[in-house]
PDB file of all heavy atoms in Angstrom:
ATOM      1  N   GLU A   1      -7.393  11.148   8.781  1.00  0.00           N
ATOM      2  CA  GLU A   1      -7.848  11.614  10.127  1.00  0.00           C
ATOM      3  C   GLU A   1      -8.447  12.905  10.026  1.00  0.00           C
ATOM      4  O   GLU A   1      -9.543  13.175  10.685  1.00  0.00           O
ATOM      5  CB  GLU A   1      -6.795  11.383  11.065  1.00  0.00           C
ATOM      6  CG  GLU A   1      -6.373   9.975  11.378  1.00  0.00           C
ATOM      7  CD  GLU A   1      -5.143   9.816  12.214  1.00  0.00           C
ATOM      8  OE1 GLU A   1      -4.389  10.766  12.363  1.00  0.00           O
ATOM      9  OE2 GLU A   1      -4.987   8.681  12.763  1.00  0.00           O
ATOM     10  N   LYS A   2      -7.731  13.889   9.402  1.00  0.00           N
ATOM     11  CA  LYS A   2      -8.190  15.221   9.294  1.00  0.00           C
ATOM     12  C   LYS A   2      -9.583  15.340   8.576  1.00  0.00           C
ATOM     13  O   LYS A   2     -10.438  16.185   8.824  1.00  0.00           O
ATOM     14  CB  LYS A   2      -7.135  16.082   8.468  1.00  0.00           C
ATOM     15  CG  LYS A   2      -7.497  17.609   8.277  1.00  0.00           C
ATOM     16  CD  LYS A   2      -6.462  18.217   7.448  1.00  0.00           C
ATOM     17  CE  LYS A   2      -6.847  19.704   7.196  1.00  0.00           C
ATOM     18  NZ  LYS A   2      -5.817  20.338   6.284  1.00  0.00           N
ATOM     19  N   ASN A   3      -9.794  14.469   7.651  1.00  0.00           N
ATOM     20  CA  ASN A   3     -11.030  14.402   6.924  1.00  0.00           C
ATOM     21  C   ASN A   3     -12.092  13.386   7.497  1.00  0.00           C
ATOM     22  O   ASN A   3     -12.985  13.030   6.826  1.00  0.00           O
ATOM     23  CB  ASN A   3     -10.778  14.064   5.427  1.00  0.00           C
ATOM     24  CG  ASN A   3     -10.234  15.236   4.643  1.00  0.00           C
ATOM     25  OD1 ASN A   3     -10.868  16.114   4.222  1.00  0.00           O
ATOM     26  ND2 ASN A   3      -8.905  15.235   4.488  1.00  0.00           N
ATOM     27  N   ARG A   4     -11.862  13.058   8.722  1.00  0.00           N
ATOM     28  CA  ARG A   4     -12.822  12.294   9.497  1.00  0.00           C
ATOM     29  C   ARG A   4     -13.140  10.913   8.842  1.00  0.00           C
ATOM     30  O   ARG A   4     -14.235  10.352   8.775  1.00  0.00           O
ATOM     31  CB  ARG A   4     -14.120  12.941   9.727  1.00  0.00           C
ATOM     32  CG  ARG A   4     -14.029  14.266  10.442  1.00  0.00           C
ATOM     33  CD  ARG A   4     -15.289  14.839  11.020  1.00  0.00           C
ATOM     34  NE  ARG A   4     -16.230  15.077  10.038  1.00  0.00           N
ATOM     35  CZ  ARG A   4     -16.365  16.181   9.239  1.00  0.00           C
ATOM     36  NH1 ARG A   4     -15.479  17.194   9.456  1.00  0.00           N
ATOM     37  NH2 ARG A   4     -17.352  16.361   8.340  1.00  0.00           N
ATOM     38  N   VAL A   5     -12.036  10.296   8.303  1.00  0.00           N
ATOM     39  CA  VAL A   5     -12.025   9.000   7.720  1.00  0.00           C
ATOM     40  C   VAL A   5     -11.024   8.079   8.571  1.00  0.00           C
ATOM     41  O   VAL A   5      -9.968   8.435   8.762  1.00  0.00           O
ATOM     42  CB  VAL A   5     -11.558   9.069   6.224  1.00  0.00           C
ATOM     43  CG1 VAL A   5     -11.469   7.561   5.687  1.00  0.00           C
ATOM     44  CG2 VAL A   5     -12.581   9.829   5.398  1.00  0.00           C
ATOM     45  N   ASP A   6     -11.515   6.881   8.863  1.00  0.00           N
ATOM     46  CA  ASP A   6     -10.762   5.971   9.693  1.00  0.00           C
ATOM     47  C   ASP A   6      -9.655   5.386   8.780  1.00  0.00           C
ATOM     48  O   ASP A   6     -10.064   4.620   7.850  1.00  0.00           O
ATOM     49  CB  ASP A   6     -11.576   4.931  10.280  1.00  0.00           C
ATOM     50  CG  ASP A   6     -10.800   3.943  11.121  1.00  0.00           C
ATOM     51  OD1 ASP A   6      -9.581   4.069  11.252  1.00  0.00           O
ATOM     52  OD2 ASP A   6     -11.395   3.038  11.701  1.00  0.00           O
ATOM     53  N   PRO A   7      -8.416   5.641   8.962  1.00  0.00           N
ATOM     54  CA  PRO A   7      -7.348   5.072   8.056  1.00  0.00           C
ATOM     55  C   PRO A   7      -7.265   3.566   8.089  1.00  0.00           C
ATOM     56  O   PRO A   7      -6.749   2.961   7.125  1.00  0.00           O
ATOM     57  CB  PRO A   7      -6.055   5.700   8.608  1.00  0.00           C
ATOM     58  CG  PRO A   7      -6.333   6.353   9.909  1.00  0.00           C
ATOM     59  CD  PRO A   7      -7.792   6.558   9.962  1.00  0.00           C
ATOM     60  N   LYS A   8      -7.788   2.983   9.136  1.00  0.00           N
ATOM     61  CA  LYS A   8      -7.790   1.519   9.259  1.00  0.00           C
ATOM     62  C   LYS A   8      -8.749   0.893   8.112  1.00  0.00           C
ATOM     63  O   LYS A   8      -8.572  -0.327   7.885  1.00  0.00           O
ATOM     64  CB  LYS A   8      -8.165   1.012  10.633  1.00  0.00           C
ATOM     65  CG  LYS A   8      -7.180   1.298  11.733  1.00  0.00           C
ATOM     66  CD  LYS A   8      -7.677   0.839  13.061  1.00  0.00           C
ATOM     67  CE  LYS A   8      -6.619   1.239  14.179  1.00  0.00           C
ATOM     68  NZ  LYS A   8      -7.133   0.802  15.492  1.00  0.00           N
ATOM     69  N   THR A   9      -9.580   1.648   7.616  1.00  0.00           N
ATOM     70  CA  THR A   9     -10.550   1.165   6.591  1.00  0.00           C
ATOM     71  C   THR A   9      -9.979   1.383   5.148  1.00  0.00           C
ATOM     72  O   THR A   9     -10.570   1.062   4.167  1.00  0.00           O
ATOM     73  CB  THR A   9     -11.888   1.838   6.686  1.00  0.00           C
ATOM     74  OG1 THR A   9     -11.769   3.217   6.337  1.00  0.00           O
ATOM     75  CG2 THR A   9     -12.487   1.686   8.070  1.00  0.00           C
ATOM     76  N   LYS A  10      -8.776   2.073   5.085  1.00  0.00           N
ATOM     77  CA  LYS A  10      -8.190   2.412   3.757  1.00  0.00           C
ATOM     78  C   LYS A  10      -6.827   1.596   3.533  1.00  0.00           C
ATOM     79  O   LYS A  10      -6.196   1.152   4.507  1.00  0.00           O
ATOM     80  CB  LYS A  10      -7.912   3.920   3.737  1.00  0.00           C
ATOM     81  CG  LYS A  10      -9.220   4.760   3.896  1.00  0.00           C
ATOM     82  CD  LYS A  10     -10.151   4.431   2.681  1.00  0.00           C
ATOM     83  CE  LYS A  10     -11.401   5.246   2.888  1.00  0.00           C
ATOM     84  NZ  LYS A  10     -12.411   5.024   1.681  1.00  0.00           N
ATOM     85  N   THR A  11      -6.517   1.498   2.220  1.00  0.00           N
ATOM     86  CA  THR A  11      -5.314   0.773   1.818  1.00  0.00           C
ATOM     87  C   THR A  11      -4.210   1.682   1.336  1.00  0.00           C
ATOM     88  O   THR A  11      -4.458   2.586   0.514  1.00  0.00           O
ATOM     89  CB  THR A  11      -5.713  -0.247   0.741  1.00  0.00           C
ATOM     90  OG1 THR A  11      -6.705  -1.144   1.198  1.00  0.00           O
ATOM     91  CG2 THR A  11      -4.469  -1.062   0.355  1.00  0.00           C
ATOM     92  N   LEU A  12      -3.075   1.474   1.908  1.00  0.00           N
ATOM     93  CA  LEU A  12      -1.862   2.115   1.451  1.00  0.00           C
ATOM     94  C   LEU A  12      -1.044   1.169   0.687  1.00  0.00           C
ATOM     95  O   LEU A  12      -0.589   0.092   1.128  1.00  0.00           O
ATOM     96  CB  LEU A  12      -0.999   2.635   2.668  1.00  0.00           C
ATOM     97  CG  LEU A  12      -1.363   3.932   3.356  1.00  0.00           C
ATOM     98  CD1 LEU A  12      -2.826   3.915   3.929  1.00  0.00           C
ATOM     99  CD2 LEU A  12      -0.387   4.204   4.490  1.00  0.00           C
ATOM    100  N   VAL A  13      -0.862   1.443  -0.619  1.00  0.00           N
ATOM    101  CA  VAL A  13      -0.120   0.555  -1.564  1.00  0.00           C
ATOM    102  C   VAL A  13       1.245   1.174  -1.769  1.00  0.00           C
ATOM    103  O   VAL A  13       1.324   2.257  -2.286  1.00  0.00           O
ATOM    104  CB  VAL A  13      -0.871   0.376  -2.927  1.00  0.00           C
ATOM    105  CG1 VAL A  13      -0.103  -0.661  -3.785  1.00  0.00           C
ATOM    106  CG2 VAL A  13      -2.260  -0.156  -2.624  1.00  0.00           C
ATOM    107  N   PHE A  14       2.283   0.369  -1.610  1.00  0.00           N
ATOM    108  CA  PHE A  14       3.641   0.800  -1.831  1.00  0.00           C
ATOM    109  C   PHE A  14       4.225   0.074  -3.063  1.00  0.00           C
ATOM    110  O   PHE A  14       4.111  -1.163  -3.081  1.00  0.00           O
ATOM    111  CB  PHE A  14       4.491   0.561  -0.641  1.00  0.00           C
ATOM    112  CG  PHE A  14       4.073   1.349   0.636  1.00  0.00           C
ATOM    113  CD1 PHE A  14       3.166   0.833   1.527  1.00  0.00           C
ATOM    114  CD2 PHE A  14       4.652   2.654   0.840  1.00  0.00           C
ATOM    115  CE1 PHE A  14       2.792   1.610   2.596  1.00  0.00           C
ATOM    116  CE2 PHE A  14       4.269   3.343   1.881  1.00  0.00           C
ATOM    117  CZ  PHE A  14       3.317   2.815   2.836  1.00  0.00           C
ATOM    118  N   SER A  15       4.829   0.759  -4.070  1.00  0.00           N
ATOM    119  CA  SER A  15       5.305   0.102  -5.221  1.00  0.00           C
ATOM    120  C   SER A  15       6.559   0.738  -5.833  1.00  0.00           C
ATOM    121  O   SER A  15       6.980   0.348  -6.926  1.00  0.00           O
ATOM    122  CB  SER A  15       4.190   0.148  -6.231  1.00  0.00           C
ATOM    123  OG  SER A  15       3.920   1.394  -6.599  1.00  0.00           O
ATOM    124  N   ASP A  16       7.283   1.539  -5.016  1.00  0.00           N
ATOM    125  CA  ASP A  16       8.486   2.134  -5.571  1.00  0.00           C
ATOM    126  C   ASP A  16       9.772   1.430  -5.217  1.00  0.00           C
ATOM    127  O   ASP A  16      10.250   1.570  -4.084  1.00  0.00           O
ATOM    128  CB  ASP A  16       8.514   3.632  -5.009  1.00  0.00           C
ATOM    129  CG  ASP A  16       9.758   4.454  -5.482  1.00  0.00           C
ATOM    130  OD1 ASP A  16      10.189   4.063  -6.673  1.00  0.00           O
ATOM    131  OD2 ASP A  16      10.235   5.253  -4.750  1.00  0.00           O
ATOM    132  N   SER A  17      10.298   0.713  -6.224  1.00  0.00           N
ATOM    133  CA  SER A  17      11.641   0.058  -6.124  1.00  0.00           C
ATOM    134  C   SER A  17      11.829  -0.694  -4.805  1.00  0.00           C
ATOM    135  O   SER A  17      12.781  -0.551  -4.079  1.00  0.00           O
ATOM    136  CB  SER A  17      12.683   1.121  -6.141  1.00  0.00           C
ATOM    137  OG  SER A  17      12.584   1.865  -7.401  1.00  0.00           O
ATOM    138  N   LEU A  18      10.812  -1.474  -4.440  1.00  0.00           N
ATOM    139  CA  LEU A  18      10.772  -2.210  -3.229  1.00  0.00           C
ATOM    140  C   LEU A  18      11.718  -3.453  -3.202  1.00  0.00           C
ATOM    141  O   LEU A  18      11.842  -4.139  -4.152  1.00  0.00           O
ATOM    142  CB  LEU A  18       9.353  -2.661  -2.788  1.00  0.00           C
ATOM    143  CG  LEU A  18       8.373  -1.525  -2.444  1.00  0.00           C
ATOM    144  CD1 LEU A  18       6.976  -2.180  -2.168  1.00  0.00           C
ATOM    145  CD2 LEU A  18       8.863  -0.654  -1.334  1.00  0.00           C
ATOM    146  N   THR A  19      12.369  -3.614  -2.080  1.00  0.00           N
ATOM    147  CA  THR A  19      13.021  -4.889  -1.709  1.00  0.00           C
ATOM    148  C   THR A  19      12.177  -5.492  -0.562  1.00  0.00           C
ATOM    149  O   THR A  19      11.401  -4.854   0.032  1.00  0.00           O
ATOM    150  CB  THR A  19      14.435  -4.679  -1.250  1.00  0.00           C
ATOM    151  OG1 THR A  19      14.424  -3.946  -0.037  1.00  0.00           O
ATOM    152  CG2 THR A  19      15.234  -3.893  -2.283  1.00  0.00           C
ATOM    153  N   PHE A  20      12.494  -6.851  -0.335  1.00  0.00           N
ATOM    154  CA  PHE A  20      11.695  -7.517   0.737  1.00  0.00           C
ATOM    155  C   PHE A  20      12.152  -6.866   2.110  1.00  0.00           C
ATOM    156  O   PHE A  20      11.300  -6.894   3.058  1.00  0.00           O
ATOM    157  CB  PHE A  20      11.962  -9.070   0.661  1.00  0.00           C
ATOM    158  CG  PHE A  20      11.016  -9.733  -0.218  1.00  0.00           C
ATOM    159  CD1 PHE A  20      10.715  -9.220  -1.480  1.00  0.00           C
ATOM    160  CD2 PHE A  20      10.332 -10.864   0.194  1.00  0.00           C
ATOM    161  CE1 PHE A  20       9.847  -9.809  -2.260  1.00  0.00           C
ATOM    162  CE2 PHE A  20       9.543 -11.546  -0.700  1.00  0.00           C
ATOM    163  CZ  PHE A  20       9.214 -11.064  -1.943  1.00  0.00           C
ATOM    164  N   ASP A  21      13.326  -6.444   2.244  1.00  0.00           N
ATOM    165  CA  ASP A  21      13.823  -5.776   3.527  1.00  0.00           C
ATOM    166  C   ASP A  21      12.940  -4.470   3.722  1.00  0.00           C
ATOM    167  O   ASP A  21      12.457  -4.178   4.812  1.00  0.00           O
ATOM    168  CB  ASP A  21      15.182  -5.329   3.491  1.00  0.00           C
ATOM    169  CG  ASP A  21      16.115  -6.603   3.613  1.00  0.00           C
ATOM    170  OD1 ASP A  21      15.688  -7.642   4.180  1.00  0.00           O
ATOM    171  OD2 ASP A  21      17.337  -6.531   3.145  1.00  0.00           O
ATOM    172  N   LYS A  22      12.766  -3.675   2.658  1.00  0.00           N
ATOM    173  CA  LYS A  22      11.989  -2.478   2.744  1.00  0.00           C
ATOM    174  C   LYS A  22      10.473  -2.801   3.006  1.00  0.00           C
ATOM    175  O   LYS A  22       9.838  -2.102   3.787  1.00  0.00           O
ATOM    176  CB  LYS A  22      12.084  -1.695   1.412  1.00  0.00           C
ATOM    177  CG  LYS A  22      11.568  -0.239   1.555  1.00  0.00           C
ATOM    178  CD  LYS A  22      12.290   0.524   2.596  1.00  0.00           C
ATOM    179  CE  LYS A  22      11.807   1.936   2.666  1.00  0.00           C
ATOM    180  NZ  LYS A  22      12.552   2.719   3.706  1.00  0.00           N
ATOM    181  N   VAL A  23      10.019  -3.901   2.344  1.00  0.00           N
ATOM    182  CA  VAL A  23       8.633  -4.310   2.582  1.00  0.00           C
ATOM    183  C   VAL A  23       8.413  -4.633   4.069  1.00  0.00           C
ATOM    184  O   VAL A  23       7.377  -4.101   4.690  1.00  0.00           O
ATOM    185  CB  VAL A  23       8.244  -5.556   1.739  1.00  0.00           C
ATOM    186  CG1 VAL A  23       7.051  -6.232   2.242  1.00  0.00           C
ATOM    187  CG2 VAL A  23       8.155  -5.192   0.270  1.00  0.00           C
ATOM    188  N   SER A  24       9.235  -5.406   4.702  1.00  0.00           N
ATOM    189  CA  SER A  24       9.070  -5.714   6.038  1.00  0.00           C
ATOM    190  C   SER A  24       9.178  -4.548   6.980  1.00  0.00           C
ATOM    191  O   SER A  24       8.409  -4.331   7.945  1.00  0.00           O
ATOM    192  CB  SER A  24      10.099  -6.835   6.544  1.00  0.00           C
ATOM    193  OG  SER A  24      11.414  -6.396   6.333  1.00  0.00           O
ATOM    194  N   GLU A  25      10.130  -3.619   6.640  1.00  0.00           N
ATOM    195  CA  GLU A  25      10.257  -2.369   7.503  1.00  0.00           C
ATOM    196  C   GLU A  25       8.952  -1.559   7.494  1.00  0.00           C
ATOM    197  O   GLU A  25       8.480  -1.097   8.457  1.00  0.00           O
ATOM    198  CB  GLU A  25      11.503  -1.548   6.897  1.00  0.00           C
ATOM    199  CG  GLU A  25      11.661  -0.278   7.559  1.00  0.00           C
ATOM    200  CD  GLU A  25      12.697   0.562   6.838  1.00  0.00           C
ATOM    201  OE1 GLU A  25      13.666  -0.049   6.320  1.00  0.00           O
ATOM    202  OE2 GLU A  25      12.560   1.825   6.854  1.00  0.00           O
ATOM    203  N   LEU A  26       8.442  -1.338   6.236  1.00  0.00           N
ATOM    204  CA  LEU A  26       7.239  -0.583   6.030  1.00  0.00           C
ATOM    205  C   LEU A  26       5.980  -1.247   6.691  1.00  0.00           C
ATOM    206  O   LEU A  26       5.192  -0.616   7.325  1.00  0.00           O
ATOM    207  CB  LEU A  26       7.010  -0.254   4.556  1.00  0.00           C
ATOM    208  CG  LEU A  26       7.936   0.735   3.915  1.00  0.00           C
ATOM    209  CD1 LEU A  26       7.773   0.659   2.397  1.00  0.00           C
ATOM    210  CD2 LEU A  26       7.710   2.129   4.368  1.00  0.00           C
ATOM    211  N   TYR A  27       5.950  -2.554   6.520  1.00  0.00           N
ATOM    212  CA  TYR A  27       4.755  -3.208   7.075  1.00  0.00           C
ATOM    213  C   TYR A  27       4.750  -3.140   8.603  1.00  0.00           C
ATOM    214  O   TYR A  27       3.721  -2.843   9.208  1.00  0.00           O
ATOM    215  CB  TYR A  27       4.878  -4.767   6.697  1.00  0.00           C
ATOM    216  CG  TYR A  27       3.717  -5.542   7.227  1.00  0.00           C
ATOM    217  CD1 TYR A  27       2.441  -5.535   6.586  1.00  0.00           C
ATOM    218  CD2 TYR A  27       3.814  -6.293   8.389  1.00  0.00           C
ATOM    219  CE1 TYR A  27       1.376  -6.211   7.174  1.00  0.00           C
ATOM    220  CE2 TYR A  27       2.736  -6.935   8.904  1.00  0.00           C
ATOM    221  CZ  TYR A  27       1.527  -6.932   8.304  1.00  0.00           C
ATOM    222  OH  TYR A  27       0.446  -7.591   8.895  1.00  0.00           O
ATOM    223  N   MET A  28       5.938  -3.264   9.187  1.00  0.00           N
ATOM    224  CA  MET A  28       5.927  -3.258  10.686  1.00  0.00           C
ATOM    225  C   MET A  28       5.678  -1.845  11.199  1.00  0.00           C
ATOM    226  O   MET A  28       5.189  -1.623  12.298  1.00  0.00           O
ATOM    227  CB  MET A  28       7.206  -3.899  11.234  1.00  0.00           C
ATOM    228  CG  MET A  28       7.129  -5.408  11.045  1.00  0.00           C
ATOM    229  SD  MET A  28       8.548  -6.209  11.950  1.00  0.00           S
ATOM    230  CE  MET A  28       9.852  -6.091  10.702  1.00  0.00           C
TER     231      MET A  28
END
């Protein structure tokens, strides 16, 4: 946002020791 880029057009990839509980928490 600070760099005038719409974050909705960008992808945040999470890959650090994830469980499905953590996946759902981060997704929501």
